Amino acid sequence: MFDQHSHDWQQDLAPGDVVLYRFPTTEDLPDGEAPKMRPCLVLDTPRLGDRRFAKLAYGSSAYGKSNRGREVLVRQAPSITTAGLDRPSRFTLNRTLLVSLDHPGFEAETHGDPASGTSMRR
């Protein structure tokens, strides 16, 4: 799922990109364990002063009944590949988070470039 680029992903990040981020969930995790890395759709990249942020939509390969109608589906093979995904996924627009691009949830040092692909850029 990782595309190991040597570019500055924070500078190039734009709405429509897919990134890997430790999106917090309501499930119980063992003490000290962080949420798992998951694909997130970048909805916006606002600035506040000299800091840049990303508004992320939660991504999952599960296709439950919740949040229907407020989601972006990526199901076709060419779109899955372009987005840097390894399976069909959906991004839930009712589950979003605004985070600084230097937030440790991106874990760029451990996983390389967290920007896995571009899915819906126009």
PDB file of N, CA and C in Angstrom:
ATOM      1  N   MET A   1       0.828  -1.187   0.000  1.00  0.00           N
ATOM      2  CA  MET A   1       0.000   0.000   0.000  1.00  0.00           C
ATOM      3  C   MET A   1       0.870   1.247   0.000  1.00  0.00           C
ATOM      4  N   PHE A   2       2.138   1.133   0.291  1.00  0.00           N
ATOM      5  CA  PHE A   2       2.992   2.306   0.381  1.00  0.00           C
ATOM      6  C   PHE A   2       3.719   2.530  -0.927  1.00  0.00           C
ATOM      7  N   ASP A   3       3.694   3.748  -1.391  1.00  0.00           N
ATOM      8  CA  ASP A   3       4.428   4.153  -2.566  1.00  0.00           C
ATOM      9  C   ASP A   3       5.628   4.945  -2.064  1.00  0.00           C
ATOM     10  N   GLN A   4       6.804   4.383  -2.109  1.00  0.00           N
ATOM     11  CA  GLN A   4       7.991   4.996  -1.515  1.00  0.00           C
ATOM     12  C   GLN A   4       8.569   6.074  -2.434  1.00  0.00           C
ATOM     13  N   HIS A   5       8.036   7.275  -2.363  1.00  0.00           N
ATOM     14  CA  HIS A   5       8.528   8.416  -3.129  1.00  0.00           C
ATOM     15  C   HIS A   5       9.589   9.138  -2.309  1.00  0.00           C
ATOM     16  N   SER A   6      10.386   9.955  -3.003  1.00  0.00           N
ATOM     17  CA  SER A   6      11.334  10.773  -2.267  1.00  0.00           C
ATOM     18  C   SER A   6      10.930  12.252  -2.322  1.00  0.00           C
ATOM     19  N   HIS A   7       9.660  12.533  -2.573  1.00  0.00           N
ATOM     20  CA  HIS A   7       9.210  13.925  -2.600  1.00  0.00           C
ATOM     21  C   HIS A   7       8.695  14.344  -1.221  1.00  0.00           C
ATOM     22  N   ASP A   8       8.484  15.628  -1.056  1.00  0.00           N
ATOM     23  CA  ASP A   8       7.965  16.154   0.203  1.00  0.00           C
ATOM     24  C   ASP A   8       6.447  16.020   0.188  1.00  0.00           C
ATOM     25  N   TRP A   9       5.934  14.960   0.776  1.00  0.00           N
ATOM     26  CA  TRP A   9       4.507  14.670   0.719  1.00  0.00           C
ATOM     27  C   TRP A   9       3.690  15.784   1.349  1.00  0.00           C
ATOM     28  N   GLN A  10       4.204  16.444   2.379  1.00  0.00           N
ATOM     29  CA  GLN A  10       3.451  17.513   3.027  1.00  0.00           C
ATOM     30  C   GLN A  10       3.251  18.697   2.093  1.00  0.00           C
ATOM     31  N   GLN A  11       4.242  19.003   1.300  1.00  0.00           N
ATOM     32  CA  GLN A  11       4.153  20.119   0.351  1.00  0.00           C
ATOM     33  C   GLN A  11       3.180  19.805  -0.780  1.00  0.00           C
ATOM     34  N   ASP A  12       3.184  18.554  -1.238  1.00  0.00           N
ATOM     35  CA  ASP A  12       2.401  18.153  -2.409  1.00  0.00           C
ATOM     36  C   ASP A  12       0.977  17.717  -2.085  1.00  0.00           C
ATOM     37  N   LEU A  13       0.666  17.505  -0.814  1.00  0.00           N
ATOM     38  CA  LEU A  13      -0.636  16.973  -0.431  1.00  0.00           C
ATOM     39  C   LEU A  13      -1.771  17.882  -0.885  1.00  0.00           C
ATOM     40  N   ALA A  14      -2.826  17.277  -1.457  1.00  0.00           N
ATOM     41  CA  ALA A  14      -3.957  18.047  -1.983  1.00  0.00           C
ATOM     42  C   ALA A  14      -5.245  17.261  -1.774  1.00  0.00           C
ATOM     43  N   PRO A  15      -6.389  17.966  -1.757  1.00  0.00           N
ATOM     44  CA  PRO A  15      -7.670  17.259  -1.673  1.00  0.00           C
ATOM     45  C   PRO A  15      -7.772  16.200  -2.774  1.00  0.00           C
ATOM     46  N   GLY A  16      -8.284  15.040  -2.389  1.00  0.00           N
ATOM     47  CA  GLY A  16      -8.394  13.921  -3.313  1.00  0.00           C
ATOM     48  C   GLY A  16      -7.307  12.892  -3.133  1.00  0.00           C
ATOM     49  N   ASP A  17      -6.231  13.254  -2.429  1.00  0.00           N
ATOM     50  CA  ASP A  17      -5.162  12.301  -2.163  1.00  0.00           C
ATOM     51  C   ASP A  17      -5.612  11.312  -1.096  1.00  0.00           C
ATOM     52  N   VAL A  18      -4.979  10.167  -1.084  1.00  0.00           N
ATOM     53  CA  VAL A  18      -5.196   9.161  -0.048  1.00  0.00           C
ATOM     54  C   VAL A  18      -3.903   9.053   0.747  1.00  0.00           C
ATOM     55  N   VAL A  19      -4.023   9.147   2.064  1.00  0.00           N
ATOM     56  CA  VAL A  19      -2.866   9.043   2.955  1.00  0.00           C
ATOM     57  C   VAL A  19      -3.109   7.930   3.966  1.00  0.00           C
ATOM     58  N   LEU A  20      -2.037   7.487   4.599  1.00  0.00           N
ATOM     59  CA  LEU A  20      -2.138   6.522   5.684  1.00  0.00           C
ATOM     60  C   LEU A  20      -2.003   7.278   6.995  1.00  0.00           C
ATOM     61  N   TYR A  21      -2.941   7.036   7.903  1.00  0.00           N
ATOM     62  CA  TYR A  21      -2.972   7.765   9.164  1.00  0.00           C
ATOM     63  C   TYR A  21      -3.575   6.871  10.245  1.00  0.00           C
ATOM     64  N   ARG A  22      -3.130   7.037  11.477  1.00  0.00           N
ATOM     65  CA  ARG A  22      -3.675   6.279  12.610  1.00  0.00           C
ATOM     66  C   ARG A  22      -4.949   6.967  13.101  1.00  0.00           C
ATOM     67  N   PHE A  23      -6.035   6.777  12.377  1.00  0.00           N
ATOM     68  CA  PHE A  23      -7.318   7.415  12.681  1.00  0.00           C
ATOM     69  C   PHE A  23      -7.884   6.791  13.947  1.00  0.00           C
ATOM     70  N   PRO A  24      -8.163   7.607  14.962  1.00  0.00           N
ATOM     71  CA  PRO A  24      -8.680   7.045  16.225  1.00  0.00           C
ATOM     72  C   PRO A  24     -10.078   6.453  16.037  1.00  0.00           C
ATOM     73  N   THR A  25     -10.334   5.378  16.754  1.00  0.00           N
ATOM     74  CA  THR A  25     -11.637   4.708  16.691  1.00  0.00           C
ATOM     75  C   THR A  25     -12.186   4.545  18.100  1.00  0.00           C
ATOM     76  N   THR A  26     -13.412   4.058  18.188  1.00  0.00           N
ATOM     77  CA  THR A  26     -14.040   3.847  19.490  1.00  0.00           C
ATOM     78  C   THR A  26     -13.770   2.449  20.039  1.00  0.00           C
ATOM     79  N   GLU A  27     -13.109   1.593  19.243  1.00  0.00           N
ATOM     80  CA  GLU A  27     -12.845   0.240  19.719  1.00  0.00           C
ATOM     81  C   GLU A  27     -11.795   0.255  20.819  1.00  0.00           C
ATOM     82  N   ASP A  28     -11.903  -0.688  21.732  1.00  0.00           N
ATOM     83  CA  ASP A  28     -10.953  -0.782  22.835  1.00  0.00           C
ATOM     84  C   ASP A  28      -9.625  -1.318  22.329  1.00  0.00           C
ATOM     85  N   LEU A  29      -8.555  -0.650  22.717  1.00  0.00           N
ATOM     86  CA  LEU A  29      -7.208  -1.083  22.360  1.00  0.00           C
ATOM     87  C   LEU A  29      -6.445  -1.381  23.640  1.00  0.00           C
ATOM     88  N   PRO A  30      -5.530  -2.351  23.589  1.00  0.00           N
ATOM     89  CA  PRO A  30      -4.703  -2.603  24.770  1.00  0.00           C
ATOM     90  C   PRO A  30      -3.939  -1.338  25.155  1.00  0.00           C
ATOM     91  N   ASP A  31      -3.632  -1.199  26.432  1.00  0.00           N
ATOM     92  CA  ASP A  31      -2.902  -0.022  26.922  1.00  0.00           C
ATOM     93  C   ASP A  31      -1.641   0.214  26.105  1.00  0.00           C
ATOM     94  N   GLY A  32      -1.463   1.458  25.678  1.00  0.00           N
ATOM     95  CA  GLY A  32      -0.272   1.833  24.943  1.00  0.00           C
ATOM     96  C   GLY A  32      -0.297   1.523  23.467  1.00  0.00           C
ATOM     97  N   GLU A  33      -1.309   0.814  22.991  1.00  0.00           N
ATOM     98  CA  GLU A  33      -1.381   0.472  21.567  1.00  0.00           C
ATOM     99  C   GLU A  33      -2.102   1.580  20.799  1.00  0.00           C
ATOM    100  N   ALA A  34      -1.530   2.005  19.698  1.00  0.00           N
ATOM    101  CA  ALA A  34      -2.112   3.061  18.866  1.00  0.00           C
ATOM    102  C   ALA A  34      -3.097   2.452  17.871  1.00  0.00           C
ATOM    103  N   PRO A  35      -4.050   3.250  17.400  1.00  0.00           N
ATOM    104  CA  PRO A  35      -4.949   2.753  16.350  1.00  0.00           C
ATOM    105  C   PRO A  35      -4.132   2.314  15.133  1.00  0.00           C
ATOM    106  N   LYS A  36      -4.672   1.398  14.347  1.00  0.00           N
ATOM    107  CA  LYS A  36      -3.936   0.902  13.189  1.00  0.00           C
ATOM    108  C   LYS A  36      -3.897   1.948  12.075  1.00  0.00           C
ATOM    109  N   MET A  37      -2.870   1.845  11.257  1.00  0.00           N
ATOM    110  CA  MET A  37      -2.762   2.722  10.094  1.00  0.00           C
ATOM    111  C   MET A  37      -3.881   2.344   9.135  1.00  0.00           C
ATOM    112  N   ARG A  38      -4.561   3.371   8.617  1.00  0.00           N
ATOM    113  CA  ARG A  38      -5.625   3.091   7.662  1.00  0.00           C
ATOM    114  C   ARG A  38      -5.633   4.174   6.602  1.00  0.00           C
ATOM    115  N   PRO A  39      -6.161   3.850   5.429  1.00  0.00           N
ATOM    116  CA  PRO A  39      -6.239   4.870   4.385  1.00  0.00           C
ATOM    117  C   PRO A  39      -7.263   5.929   4.763  1.00  0.00           C
ATOM    118  N   CYS A  40      -6.939   7.178   4.469  1.00  0.00           N
ATOM    119  CA  CYS A  40      -7.844   8.300   4.714  1.00  0.00           C
ATOM    120  C   CYS A  40      -7.852   9.175   3.470  1.00  0.00           C
ATOM    121  N   LEU A  41      -9.011   9.676   3.125  1.00  0.00           N
ATOM    122  CA  LEU A  41      -9.153  10.576   1.989  1.00  0.00           C
ATOM    123  C   LEU A  41      -8.956  12.003   2.462  1.00  0.00           C
ATOM    124  N   VAL A  42      -8.088  12.748   1.785  1.00  0.00           N
ATOM    125  CA  VAL A  42      -7.844  14.147   2.123  1.00  0.00           C
ATOM    126  C   VAL A  42      -8.970  14.981   1.510  1.00  0.00           C
ATOM    127  N   LEU A  43      -9.739  15.662   2.368  1.00  0.00           N
ATOM    128  CA  LEU A  43     -10.852  16.490   1.910  1.00  0.00           C
ATOM    129  C   LEU A  43     -10.453  17.947   1.735  1.00  0.00           C
ATOM    130  N   ASP A  44      -9.490  18.411   2.525  1.00  0.00           N
ATOM    131  CA  ASP A  44      -9.059  19.801   2.467  1.00  0.00           C
ATOM    132  C   ASP A  44      -7.671  19.895   3.087  1.00  0.00           C
ATOM    133  N   THR A  45      -6.933  20.942   2.740  1.00  0.00           N
ATOM    134  CA  THR A  45      -5.599  21.169   3.312  1.00  0.00           C
ATOM    135  C   THR A  45      -5.452  22.643   3.702  1.00  0.00           C
ATOM    136  N   PRO A  46      -6.191  23.061   4.727  1.00  0.00           N
ATOM    137  CA  PRO A  46      -6.146  24.474   5.133  1.00  0.00           C
ATOM    138  C   PRO A  46      -4.842  24.832   5.845  1.00  0.00           C
ATOM    139  N   ARG A  47      -4.573  26.123   5.901  1.00  0.00           N
ATOM    140  CA  ARG A  47      -3.421  26.665   6.628  1.00  0.00           C
ATOM    141  C   ARG A  47      -3.931  27.515   7.793  1.00  0.00           C
ATOM    142  N   LEU A  48      -3.177  27.480   8.869  1.00  0.00           N
ATOM    143  CA  LEU A  48      -3.425  28.358  10.005  1.00  0.00           C
ATOM    144  C   LEU A  48      -2.060  28.941  10.362  1.00  0.00           C
ATOM    145  N   GLY A  49      -1.847  30.188  10.001  1.00  0.00           N
ATOM    146  CA  GLY A  49      -0.522  30.786  10.155  1.00  0.00           C
ATOM    147  C   GLY A  49       0.445  30.083   9.232  1.00  0.00           C
ATOM    148  N   ASP A  50       1.550  29.607   9.780  1.00  0.00           N
ATOM    149  CA  ASP A  50       2.525  28.902   8.960  1.00  0.00           C
ATOM    150  C   ASP A  50       2.378  27.384   9.033  1.00  0.00           C
ATOM    151  N   ARG A  51       1.314  26.903   9.684  1.00  0.00           N
ATOM    152  CA  ARG A  51       1.077  25.453   9.800  1.00  0.00           C
ATOM    153  C   ARG A  51       0.017  25.005   8.818  1.00  0.00           C
ATOM    154  N   ARG A  52       0.225  23.830   8.271  1.00  0.00           N
ATOM    155  CA  ARG A  52      -0.715  23.259   7.317  1.00  0.00           C
ATOM    156  C   ARG A  52      -1.392  22.048   7.954  1.00  0.00           C
ATOM    157  N   PHE A  53      -2.655  21.883   7.656  1.00  0.00           N
ATOM    158  CA  PHE A  53      -3.466  20.810   8.224  1.00  0.00           C
ATOM    159  C   PHE A  53      -4.103  19.995   7.108  1.00  0.00           C
ATOM    160  N   ALA A  54      -4.652  18.857   7.476  1.00  0.00           N
ATOM    161  CA  ALA A  54      -5.407  18.040   6.542  1.00  0.00           C
ATOM    162  C   ALA A  54      -6.715  17.639   7.198  1.00  0.00           C
ATOM    163  N   LYS A  55      -7.813  17.801   6.468  1.00  0.00           N
ATOM    164  CA  LYS A  55      -9.096  17.264   6.908  1.00  0.00           C
ATOM    165  C   LYS A  55      -9.218  15.894   6.254  1.00  0.00           C
ATOM    166  N   LEU A  56      -9.266  14.858   7.100  1.00  0.00           N
ATOM    167  CA  LEU A  56      -9.239  13.476   6.637  1.00  0.00           C
ATOM    168  C   LEU A  56     -10.585  12.788   6.848  1.00  0.00           C
ATOM    169  N   ALA A  57     -10.983  11.969   5.883  1.00  0.00           N
ATOM    170  CA  ALA A  57     -12.169  11.119   6.010  1.00  0.00           C
ATOM    171  C   ALA A  57     -11.700   9.685   6.261  1.00  0.00           C
ATOM    172  N   TYR A  58     -12.314   9.056   7.226  1.00  0.00           N
ATOM    173  CA  TYR A  58     -12.006   7.682   7.645  1.00  0.00           C
ATOM    174  C   TYR A  58     -12.191   6.708   6.481  1.00  0.00           C
ATOM    175  N   GLY A  59     -11.213   5.841   6.289  1.00  0.00           N
ATOM    176  CA  GLY A  59     -11.297   4.830   5.236  1.00  0.00           C
ATOM    177  C   GLY A  59     -11.351   3.432   5.792  1.00  0.00           C
ATOM    178  N   SER A  60     -12.071   2.561   5.091  1.00  0.00           N
ATOM    179  CA  SER A  60     -12.225   1.181   5.518  1.00  0.00           C
ATOM    180  C   SER A  60     -12.553   0.316   4.309  1.00  0.00           C
ATOM    181  N   SER A  61     -12.210  -0.953   4.397  1.00  0.00           N
ATOM    182  CA  SER A  61     -12.614  -1.885   3.348  1.00  0.00           C
ATOM    183  C   SER A  61     -13.935  -2.562   3.711  1.00  0.00           C
ATOM    184  N   ALA A  62     -14.445  -2.303   4.910  1.00  0.00           N
ATOM    185  CA  ALA A  62     -15.727  -2.882   5.333  1.00  0.00           C
ATOM    186  C   ALA A  62     -16.885  -2.114   4.707  1.00  0.00           C
ATOM    187  N   TYR A  63     -17.883  -2.840   4.257  1.00  0.00           N
ATOM    188  CA  TYR A  63     -19.056  -2.218   3.628  1.00  0.00           C
ATOM    189  C   TYR A  63     -20.299  -2.486   4.463  1.00  0.00           C
ATOM    190  N   GLY A  64     -20.366  -1.835   5.615  1.00  0.00           N
ATOM    191  CA  GLY A  64     -21.527  -1.970   6.485  1.00  0.00           C
ATOM    192  C   GLY A  64     -22.662  -1.071   6.033  1.00  0.00           C
ATOM    193  N   LYS A  65     -23.724  -1.066   6.818  1.00  0.00           N
ATOM    194  CA  LYS A  65     -24.899  -0.259   6.488  1.00  0.00           C
ATOM    195  C   LYS A  65     -24.822   1.161   7.038  1.00  0.00           C
ATOM    196  N   SER A  66     -23.871   1.421   7.935  1.00  0.00           N
ATOM    197  CA  SER A  66     -23.794   2.752   8.538  1.00  0.00           C
ATOM    198  C   SER A  66     -23.218   3.772   7.563  1.00  0.00           C
ATOM    199  N   ASN A  67     -23.658   4.995   7.739  1.00  0.00           N
ATOM    200  CA  ASN A  67     -23.156   6.144   6.974  1.00  0.00           C
ATOM    201  C   ASN A  67     -23.382   6.036   5.471  1.00  0.00           C
ATOM    202  N   ARG A  68     -24.345   5.294   5.038  1.00  0.00           N
ATOM    203  CA  ARG A  68     -24.639   5.185   3.611  1.00  0.00           C
ATOM    204  C   ARG A  68     -25.110   6.528   3.085  1.00  0.00           C
ATOM    205  N   GLY A  69     -24.687   6.873   1.886  1.00  0.00           N
ATOM    206  CA  GLY A  69     -25.066   8.130   1.266  1.00  0.00           C
ATOM    207  C   GLY A  69     -24.076   9.246   1.549  1.00  0.00           C
ATOM    208  N   ARG A  70     -23.245   9.087   2.556  1.00  0.00           N
ATOM    209  CA  ARG A  70     -22.219  10.089   2.915  1.00  0.00           C
ATOM    210  C   ARG A  70     -20.854   9.408   2.853  1.00  0.00           C
ATOM    211  N   GLU A  71     -20.553   8.845   1.700  1.00  0.00           N
ATOM    212  CA  GLU A  71     -19.312   8.105   1.554  1.00  0.00           C
ATOM    213  C   GLU A  71     -18.787   8.256   0.128  1.00  0.00           C
ATOM    214  N   VAL A  72     -17.511   8.012  -0.023  1.00  0.00           N
ATOM    215  CA  VAL A  72     -16.875   7.961  -1.332  1.00  0.00           C
ATOM    216  C   VAL A  72     -16.392   6.528  -1.498  1.00  0.00           C
ATOM    217  N   LEU A  73     -16.873   5.876  -2.551  1.00  0.00           N
ATOM    218  CA  LEU A  73     -16.502   4.489  -2.806  1.00  0.00           C
ATOM    219  C   LEU A  73     -15.390   4.422  -3.841  1.00  0.00           C
ATOM    220  N   VAL A  74     -14.415   3.571  -3.589  1.00  0.00           N
ATOM    221  CA  VAL A  74     -13.356   3.296  -4.550  1.00  0.00           C
ATOM    222  C   VAL A  74     -13.398   1.789  -4.770  1.00  0.00           C
ATOM    223  N   ARG A  75     -14.012   1.372  -5.908  1.00  0.00           N
ATOM    224  CA  ARG A  75     -14.240  -0.058  -6.123  1.00  0.00           C
ATOM    225  C   ARG A  75     -13.647  -0.606  -7.414  1.00  0.00           C
ATOM    226  N   GLN A  76     -13.401   0.234  -8.394  1.00  0.00           N
ATOM    227  CA  GLN A  76     -12.893  -0.234  -9.676  1.00  0.00           C
ATOM    228  C   GLN A  76     -11.371  -0.397  -9.616  1.00  0.00           C
ATOM    229  N   ALA A  77     -10.848  -1.442 -10.261  1.00  0.00           N
ATOM    230  CA  ALA A  77      -9.415  -1.754 -10.197  1.00  0.00           C
ATOM    231  C   ALA A  77      -8.512  -0.569 -10.546  1.00  0.00           C
ATOM    232  N   PRO A  78      -8.786   0.184 -11.619  1.00  0.00           N
ATOM    233  CA  PRO A  78      -7.890   1.323 -11.915  1.00  0.00           C
ATOM    234  C   PRO A  78      -7.903   2.377 -10.801  1.00  0.00           C
ATOM    235  N   SER A  79      -9.054   2.628 -10.205  1.00  0.00           N
ATOM    236  CA  SER A  79      -9.155   3.611  -9.114  1.00  0.00           C
ATOM    237  C   SER A  79      -8.456   3.112  -7.856  1.00  0.00           C
ATOM    238  N   ILE A  80      -8.572   1.840  -7.581  1.00  0.00           N
ATOM    239  CA  ILE A  80      -7.913   1.247  -6.415  1.00  0.00           C
ATOM    240  C   ILE A  80      -6.398   1.416  -6.543  1.00  0.00           C
ATOM    241  N   THR A  81      -5.872   1.121  -7.723  1.00  0.00           N
ATOM    242  CA  THR A  81      -4.439   1.250  -7.980  1.00  0.00           C
ATOM    243  C   THR A  81      -3.984   2.696  -7.880  1.00  0.00           C
ATOM    244  N   THR A  82      -4.714   3.607  -8.521  1.00  0.00           N
ATOM    245  CA  THR A  82      -4.357   5.024  -8.505  1.00  0.00           C
ATOM    246  C   THR A  82      -4.350   5.578  -7.085  1.00  0.00           C
ATOM    247  N   ALA A  83      -5.292   5.109  -6.254  1.00  0.00           N
ATOM    248  CA  ALA A  83      -5.381   5.585  -4.873  1.00  0.00           C
ATOM    249  C   ALA A  83      -4.332   4.954  -3.972  1.00  0.00           C
ATOM    250  N   GLY A  84      -3.564   4.001  -4.483  1.00  0.00           N
ATOM    251  CA  GLY A  84      -2.548   3.349  -3.667  1.00  0.00           C
ATOM    252  C   GLY A  84      -3.138   2.352  -2.692  1.00  0.00           C
ATOM    253  N   LEU A  85      -4.341   1.872  -2.971  1.00  0.00           N
ATOM    254  CA  LEU A  85      -5.025   0.930  -2.088  1.00  0.00           C
ATOM    255  C   LEU A  85      -4.751  -0.497  -2.547  1.00  0.00           C
ATOM    256  N   ASP A  86      -4.987  -1.457  -1.662  1.00  0.00           N
ATOM    257  CA  ASP A  86      -4.801  -2.853  -2.050  1.00  0.00           C
ATOM    258  C   ASP A  86      -6.126  -3.614  -2.144  1.00  0.00           C
ATOM    259  N   ARG A  87      -7.236  -2.896  -1.935  1.00  0.00           N
ATOM    260  CA  ARG A  87      -8.556  -3.534  -2.040  1.00  0.00           C
ATOM    261  C   ARG A  87      -9.621  -2.439  -2.161  1.00  0.00           C
ATOM    262  N   PRO A  88     -10.833  -2.804  -2.577  1.00  0.00           N
ATOM    263  CA  PRO A  88     -11.914  -1.801  -2.613  1.00  0.00           C
ATOM    264  C   PRO A  88     -12.110  -1.194  -1.227  1.00  0.00           C
ATOM    265  N   SER A  89     -12.391   0.092  -1.210  1.00  0.00           N
ATOM    266  CA  SER A  89     -12.526   0.811   0.064  1.00  0.00           C
ATOM    267  C   SER A  89     -13.620   1.849  -0.026  1.00  0.00           C
ATOM    268  N   ARG A  90     -14.032   2.316   1.144  1.00  0.00           N
ATOM    269  CA  ARG A  90     -14.972   3.432   1.210  1.00  0.00           C
ATOM    270  C   ARG A  90     -14.458   4.426   2.240  1.00  0.00           C
ATOM    271  N   PHE A  91     -14.716   5.696   1.956  1.00  0.00           N
ATOM    272  CA  PHE A  91     -14.302   6.771   2.836  1.00  0.00           C
ATOM    273  C   PHE A  91     -15.563   7.424   3.375  1.00  0.00           C
ATOM    274  N   THR A  92     -15.705   7.414   4.689  1.00  0.00           N
ATOM    275  CA  THR A  92     -16.913   7.871   5.358  1.00  0.00           C
ATOM    276  C   THR A  92     -16.819   9.371   5.643  1.00  0.00           C
ATOM    277  N   LEU A  93     -17.671  10.143   5.011  1.00  0.00           N
ATOM    278  CA  LEU A  93     -17.636  11.597   5.152  1.00  0.00           C
ATOM    279  C   LEU A  93     -18.225  12.079   6.474  1.00  0.00           C
ATOM    280  N   ASN A  94     -18.886  11.202   7.210  1.00  0.00           N
ATOM    281  CA  ASN A  94     -19.393  11.545   8.538  1.00  0.00           C
ATOM    282  C   ASN A  94     -18.344  11.326   9.625  1.00  0.00           C
ATOM    283  N   ARG A  95     -17.203  10.760   9.274  1.00  0.00           N
ATOM    284  CA  ARG A  95     -16.117  10.520  10.236  1.00  0.00           C
ATOM    285  C   ARG A  95     -14.877  11.232   9.722  1.00  0.00           C
ATOM    286  N   THR A  96     -14.712  12.473  10.141  1.00  0.00           N
ATOM    287  CA  THR A  96     -13.577  13.259   9.678  1.00  0.00           C
ATOM    288  C   THR A  96     -12.774  13.775  10.868  1.00  0.00           C
ATOM    289  N   LEU A  97     -11.569  14.210  10.551  1.00  0.00           N
ATOM    290  CA  LEU A  97     -10.648  14.676  11.565  1.00  0.00           C
ATOM    291  C   LEU A  97      -9.749  15.728  10.923  1.00  0.00           C
ATOM    292  N   LEU A  98      -9.469  16.811  11.644  1.00  0.00           N
ATOM    293  CA  LEU A  98      -8.546  17.832  11.176  1.00  0.00           C
ATOM    294  C   LEU A  98      -7.251  17.681  11.967  1.00  0.00           C
ATOM    295  N   VAL A  99      -6.141  17.408  11.269  1.00  0.00           N
ATOM    296  CA  VAL A  99      -4.861  17.174  11.937  1.00  0.00           C
ATOM    297  C   VAL A  99      -3.743  17.955  11.259  1.00  0.00           C
ATOM    298  N   SER A 100      -2.761  18.327  12.046  1.00  0.00           N
ATOM    299  CA  SER A 100      -1.575  18.984  11.513  1.00  0.00           C
ATOM    300  C   SER A 100      -0.784  17.967  10.684  1.00  0.00           C
ATOM    301  N   LEU A 101      -0.149  18.441   9.615  1.00  0.00           N
ATOM    302  CA  LEU A 101       0.625  17.529   8.766  1.00  0.00           C
ATOM    303  C   LEU A 101       1.872  16.997   9.458  1.00  0.00           C
ATOM    304  N   ASP A 102       2.233  17.589  10.597  1.00  0.00           N
ATOM    305  CA  ASP A 102       3.366  17.040  11.339  1.00  0.00           C
ATOM    306  C   ASP A 102       2.913  16.153  12.506  1.00  0.00           C
ATOM    307  N   HIS A 103       1.642  15.785  12.532  1.00  0.00           N
ATOM    308  CA  HIS A 103       1.114  14.914  13.582  1.00  0.00           C
ATOM    309  C   HIS A 103       1.778  13.534  13.491  1.00  0.00           C
ATOM    310  N   PRO A 104       2.165  12.943  14.634  1.00  0.00           N
ATOM    311  CA  PRO A 104       2.829  11.636  14.604  1.00  0.00           C
ATOM    312  C   PRO A 104       1.951  10.497  14.086  1.00  0.00           C
ATOM    313  N   GLY A 105       0.641  10.704  13.954  1.00  0.00           N
ATOM    314  CA  GLY A 105      -0.234   9.668  13.410  1.00  0.00           C
ATOM    315  C   GLY A 105       0.077   9.312  11.970  1.00  0.00           C
ATOM    316  N   PHE A 106       0.809  10.177  11.269  1.00  0.00           N
ATOM    317  CA  PHE A 106       1.220   9.869   9.897  1.00  0.00           C
ATOM    318  C   PHE A 106       2.416   8.922   9.881  1.00  0.00           C
ATOM    319  N   GLU A 107       3.244   8.954  10.924  1.00  0.00           N
ATOM    320  CA  GLU A 107       4.402   8.070  11.077  1.00  0.00           C
ATOM    321  C   GLU A 107       5.264   7.984   9.831  1.00  0.00           C
ATOM    322  N   ALA A 108       5.574   9.107   9.220  1.00  0.00           N
ATOM    323  CA  ALA A 108       6.390   9.112   8.008  1.00  0.00           C
ATOM    324  C   ALA A 108       7.771   8.501   8.244  1.00  0.00           C
ATOM    325  N   GLU A 109       8.308   8.668   9.459  1.00  0.00           N
ATOM    326  CA  GLU A 109       9.642   8.138   9.736  1.00  0.00           C
ATOM    327  C   GLU A 109       9.654   6.608   9.695  1.00  0.00           C
ATOM    328  N   THR A 110       8.578   5.998  10.147  1.00  0.00           N
ATOM    329  CA  THR A 110       8.501   4.538  10.212  1.00  0.00           C
ATOM    330  C   THR A 110       8.084   3.925   8.886  1.00  0.00           C
ATOM    331  N   HIS A 111       7.067   4.502   8.259  1.00  0.00           N
ATOM    332  CA  HIS A 111       6.463   3.892   7.078  1.00  0.00           C
ATOM    333  C   HIS A 111       6.861   4.547   5.767  1.00  0.00           C
ATOM    334  N   GLY A 112       7.685   5.566   5.796  1.00  0.00           N
ATOM    335  CA  GLY A 112       7.995   6.279   4.561  1.00  0.00           C
ATOM    336  C   GLY A 112       6.887   7.276   4.268  1.00  0.00           C
ATOM    337  N   ASP A 113       6.739   7.610   3.040  1.00  0.00           N
ATOM    338  CA  ASP A 113       5.762   8.593   2.586  1.00  0.00           C
ATOM    339  C   ASP A 113       4.341   8.124   2.904  1.00  0.00           C
ATOM    340  N   PRO A 114       3.593   8.838   3.771  1.00  0.00           N
ATOM    341  CA  PRO A 114       2.227   8.407   4.087  1.00  0.00           C
ATOM    342  C   PRO A 114       1.229   8.682   2.975  1.00  0.00           C
ATOM    343  N   ALA A 115       1.618   9.460   1.971  1.00  0.00           N
ATOM    344  CA  ALA A 115       0.718   9.712   0.843  1.00  0.00           C
ATOM    345  C   ALA A 115       0.767   8.518  -0.076  1.00  0.00           C
ATOM    346  N   SER A 116      -0.258   7.668  -0.025  1.00  0.00           N
ATOM    347  CA  SER A 116      -0.229   6.406  -0.775  1.00  0.00           C
ATOM    348  C   SER A 116      -0.664   6.584  -2.219  1.00  0.00           C
ATOM    349  N   GLY A 117      -1.436   7.602  -2.524  1.00  0.00           N
ATOM    350  CA  GLY A 117      -1.866   7.778  -3.906  1.00  0.00           C
ATOM    351  C   GLY A 117      -2.767   8.978  -4.069  1.00  0.00           C
ATOM    352  N   THR A 118      -3.190   9.198  -5.290  1.00  0.00           N
ATOM    353  CA  THR A 118      -4.161  10.243  -5.586  1.00  0.00           C
ATOM    354  C   THR A 118      -5.373   9.552  -6.177  1.00  0.00           C
ATOM    355  N   SER A 119      -6.521   9.782  -5.590  1.00  0.00           N
ATOM    356  CA  SER A 119      -7.692   9.047  -6.058  1.00  0.00           C
ATOM    357  C   SER A 119      -8.689   9.898  -6.798  1.00  0.00           C
ATOM    358  N   MET A 120      -8.986  11.069  -6.285  1.00  0.00           N
ATOM    359  CA  MET A 120     -10.068  11.848  -6.865  1.00  0.00           C
ATOM    360  C   MET A 120      -9.653  13.273  -7.239  1.00  0.00           C
ATOM    361  N   ARG A 121      -8.373  13.500  -7.409  1.00  0.00           N
ATOM    362  CA  ARG A 121      -7.963  14.850  -7.810  1.00  0.00           C
ATOM    363  C   ARG A 121      -8.526  15.170  -9.174  1.00  0.00           C
ATOM    364  N   ARG A 122      -8.928  16.422  -9.341  1.00  0.00           N
ATOM    365  CA  ARG A 122      -9.466  16.844 -10.643  1.00  0.00           C
ATOM    366  C   ARG A 122      -8.536  17.834 -11.283  1.00  0.00           C
TER     367      ARG A 122
END
